[in-house]
Structures are given as structure tokens and as C-alpha cells.
Amino acid sequence: MTDVLTWTIGRRLELANRAELLRKELGELELEVARLEAAEVVFGQWAEATDGGRRPSGIVSPEPEPVAVTVGPGAAGCGWCPIAPRGWGFRP
């Protein structure tokens, strides 16, 4: 009789510990589900605003392409200047 009671108490404690772990895991899963639902809503709004990504939404505008700059002799004041005092400018 004592063996049955000891086994029952031990089994109850094991199951209580397992139930606590499962509750914790369930809470984590519910949190992940809530995050995914929020992501679905945001993505759905984006897809509606951009016609499924086929046209820009205006939410984020792309940066303009940089303009190529060509630098040659005389650019930025680095060349020979005919009106500069003697000793300035280009020296052959």
C-alpha cells in the first residue's frame, strides 16, 4: 500500500513539473503566434499600398543615383592661372 502511495505522489510531482514546462512553452508559442499575426497585418498593408510590390508605395523612397564627376587639370583651382603673381601656378 505504501509503494502505491509513494508512486502516486512521485508521478503527480513529475506531471506537475511537466505541466509547468508545457505552460511556459505554450506561452512562448502564443507570443510567437501574436508576433507573426502582427507581421501578417503589416505585410498585408504594405502589399495593398504597393499593389503587391509592383509599384512604389511612397513609404520608402529610393536614394538617387550619385552623379559621376570628372576631374581634370585645372579643376578646383589646381591649374595654372595666367593672372597669378610670378611663382604661382604651373611650372614646366
C-alpha atoms as a PDB file:
ATOM      1  CA  MET A   1       0.000   0.000   0.000  1.00  0.00           C
ATOM      2  CA  THR A   2       2.866   2.376   0.843  1.00  0.00           C
ATOM      3  CA  ASP A   3       4.549   1.658  -2.508  1.00  0.00           C
ATOM      4  CA  VAL A   4       1.405   2.660  -4.397  1.00  0.00           C
ATOM      5  CA  LEU A   5       1.094   5.893  -2.395  1.00  0.00           C
ATOM      6  CA  THR A   6       4.786   6.729  -2.953  1.00  0.00           C
ATOM      7  CA  TRP A   7       4.485   6.036  -6.682  1.00  0.00           C
ATOM      8  CA  THR A   8       1.306   8.145  -6.916  1.00  0.00           C
ATOM      9  CA  ILE A   9       2.946  11.104  -5.167  1.00  0.00           C
ATOM     10  CA  GLY A  10       6.083  10.819  -7.327  1.00  0.00           C
ATOM     11  CA  ARG A  11       4.033  10.564 -10.520  1.00  0.00           C
ATOM     12  CA  ARG A  12       1.921  13.580  -9.514  1.00  0.00           C
ATOM     13  CA  LEU A  13       5.075  15.655  -8.925  1.00  0.00           C
ATOM     14  CA  GLU A  14       6.537  14.602 -12.291  1.00  0.00           C
ATOM     15  CA  LEU A  15       3.330  15.518 -14.063  1.00  0.00           C
ATOM     16  CA  ALA A  16       3.086  18.845 -12.230  1.00  0.00           C
ATOM     17  CA  ASN A  17       6.642  19.736 -13.311  1.00  0.00           C
ATOM     18  CA  ARG A  18       5.911  18.695 -16.883  1.00  0.00           C
ATOM     19  CA  ALA A  19       2.674  20.702 -16.893  1.00  0.00           C
ATOM     20  CA  GLU A  20       4.595  23.794 -15.735  1.00  0.00           C
ATOM     21  CA  LEU A  21       7.149  23.370 -18.540  1.00  0.00           C
ATOM     22  CA  LEU A  22       4.363  22.909 -21.082  1.00  0.00           C
ATOM     23  CA  ARG A  23       2.586  26.056 -19.819  1.00  0.00           C
ATOM     24  CA  LYS A  24       5.817  28.016 -20.262  1.00  0.00           C
ATOM     25  CA  GLU A  25       6.311  26.614 -23.772  1.00  0.00           C
ATOM     26  CA  LEU A  26       2.682  27.369 -24.626  1.00  0.00           C
ATOM     27  CA  GLY A  27       3.157  30.974 -23.522  1.00  0.00           C
ATOM     28  CA  GLU A  28       6.222  31.308 -25.742  1.00  0.00           C
ATOM     29  CA  LEU A  29       4.354  29.805 -28.692  1.00  0.00           C
ATOM     30  CA  GLU A  30       1.388  32.131 -28.185  1.00  0.00           C
ATOM     31  CA  LEU A  31       3.771  35.095 -28.143  1.00  0.00           C
ATOM     32  CA  GLU A  32       5.359  33.948 -31.411  1.00  0.00           C
ATOM     33  CA  VAL A  33       1.927  33.474 -32.978  1.00  0.00           C
ATOM     34  CA  ALA A  34       0.963  37.020 -31.944  1.00  0.00           C
ATOM     35  CA  ARG A  35       4.156  38.407 -33.492  1.00  0.00           C
ATOM     36  CA  LEU A  36       3.528  36.532 -36.735  1.00  0.00           C
ATOM     37  CA  GLU A  37      -0.061  37.786 -36.852  1.00  0.00           C
ATOM     38  CA  ALA A  38       1.204  41.357 -36.465  1.00  0.00           C
ATOM     39  CA  ALA A  39       3.760  40.765 -39.221  1.00  0.00           C
ATOM     40  CA  GLU A  40       0.991  39.447 -41.492  1.00  0.00           C
ATOM     41  CA  VAL A  41      -1.035  42.604 -40.916  1.00  0.00           C
ATOM     42  CA  VAL A  42       1.925  44.872 -41.651  1.00  0.00           C
ATOM     43  CA  PHE A  43       2.885  42.908 -44.756  1.00  0.00           C
ATOM     44  CA  GLY A  44      -0.728  42.909 -45.943  1.00  0.00           C
ATOM     45  CA  GLN A  45      -0.884  46.694 -45.562  1.00  0.00           C
ATOM     46  CA  TRP A  46       2.379  47.045 -47.479  1.00  0.00           C
ATOM     47  CA  ALA A  47       1.157  44.723 -50.238  1.00  0.00           C
ATOM     48  CA  GLU A  48      -2.069  46.717 -50.582  1.00  0.00           C
ATOM     49  CA  ALA A  49      -0.174  50.014 -50.643  1.00  0.00           C
ATOM     50  CA  THR A  50       2.287  48.809 -53.284  1.00  0.00           C
ATOM     51  CA  ASP A  51      -0.050  46.620 -55.342  1.00  0.00           C
ATOM     52  CA  GLY A  52       1.842  43.528 -54.245  1.00  0.00           C
ATOM     53  CA  GLY A  53       5.239  45.149 -54.713  1.00  0.00           C
ATOM     54  CA  ARG A  54       4.643  46.042 -58.384  1.00  0.00           C
ATOM     55  CA  ARG A  55       4.664  49.801 -57.801  1.00  0.00           C
ATOM     56  CA  PRO A  56       6.423  52.006 -55.247  1.00  0.00           C
ATOM     57  CA  SER A  57       4.407  52.807 -52.148  1.00  0.00           C
ATOM     58  CA  GLY A  58       5.976  56.128 -51.320  1.00  0.00           C
ATOM     59  CA  ILE A  59       6.667  54.741 -47.858  1.00  0.00           C
ATOM     60  CA  VAL A  60      10.370  54.456 -48.597  1.00  0.00           C
ATOM     61  CA  SER A  61      11.803  56.397 -51.488  1.00  0.00           C
ATOM     62  CA  PRO A  62      14.967  55.099 -53.117  1.00  0.00           C
ATOM     63  CA  GLU A  63      18.101  57.195 -52.936  1.00  0.00           C
ATOM     64  CA  PRO A  64      19.040  58.984 -56.172  1.00  0.00           C
ATOM     65  CA  GLU A  65      21.950  57.585 -58.110  1.00  0.00           C
ATOM     66  CA  PRO A  66      25.194  59.513 -57.499  1.00  0.00           C
ATOM     67  CA  VAL A  67      26.334  61.743 -60.355  1.00  0.00           C
ATOM     68  CA  ALA A  68      29.710  60.883 -61.846  1.00  0.00           C
ATOM     69  CA  VAL A  69      32.219  63.717 -61.543  1.00  0.00           C
ATOM     70  CA  THR A  70      35.150  64.022 -63.919  1.00  0.00           C
ATOM     71  CA  VAL A  71      38.204  65.817 -62.609  1.00  0.00           C
ATOM     72  CA  GLY A  72      40.876  67.128 -64.929  1.00  0.00           C
ATOM     73  CA  PRO A  73      43.716  69.611 -64.906  1.00  0.00           C
ATOM     74  CA  GLY A  74      42.644  72.968 -63.599  1.00  0.00           C
ATOM     75  CA  ALA A  75      39.749  71.641 -61.589  1.00  0.00           C
ATOM     76  CA  ALA A  76      39.196  73.093 -58.141  1.00  0.00           C
ATOM     77  CA  GLY A  77      41.835  75.791 -58.554  1.00  0.00           C
ATOM     78  CA  CYS A  78      44.716  73.375 -59.048  1.00  0.00           C
ATOM     79  CA  GLY A  79      45.751  74.507 -62.517  1.00  0.00           C
ATOM     80  CA  TRP A  80      47.829  77.302 -63.977  1.00  0.00           C
ATOM     81  CA  CYS A  81      46.401  80.799 -63.662  1.00  0.00           C
ATOM     82  CA  PRO A  82      47.714  83.420 -66.152  1.00  0.00           C
ATOM     83  CA  ILE A  83      46.957  86.354 -63.845  1.00  0.00           C
ATOM     84  CA  ALA A  84      48.625  84.902 -60.777  1.00  0.00           C
ATOM     85  CA  PRO A  85      51.794  86.516 -59.451  1.00  0.00           C
ATOM     86  CA  ARG A  86      55.098  85.085 -60.631  1.00  0.00           C
ATOM     87  CA  GLY A  87      55.898  81.818 -58.878  1.00  0.00           C
ATOM     88  CA  TRP A  88      52.305  80.641 -58.688  1.00  0.00           C
ATOM     89  CA  GLY A  89      50.674  78.170 -60.991  1.00  0.00           C
ATOM     90  CA  PHE A  90      52.154  75.729 -63.471  1.00  0.00           C
ATOM     91  CA  ARG A  91      55.937  75.236 -63.658  1.00  0.00           C
ATOM     92  CA  PRO A  92      57.307  73.320 -66.666  1.00  0.00           C
END
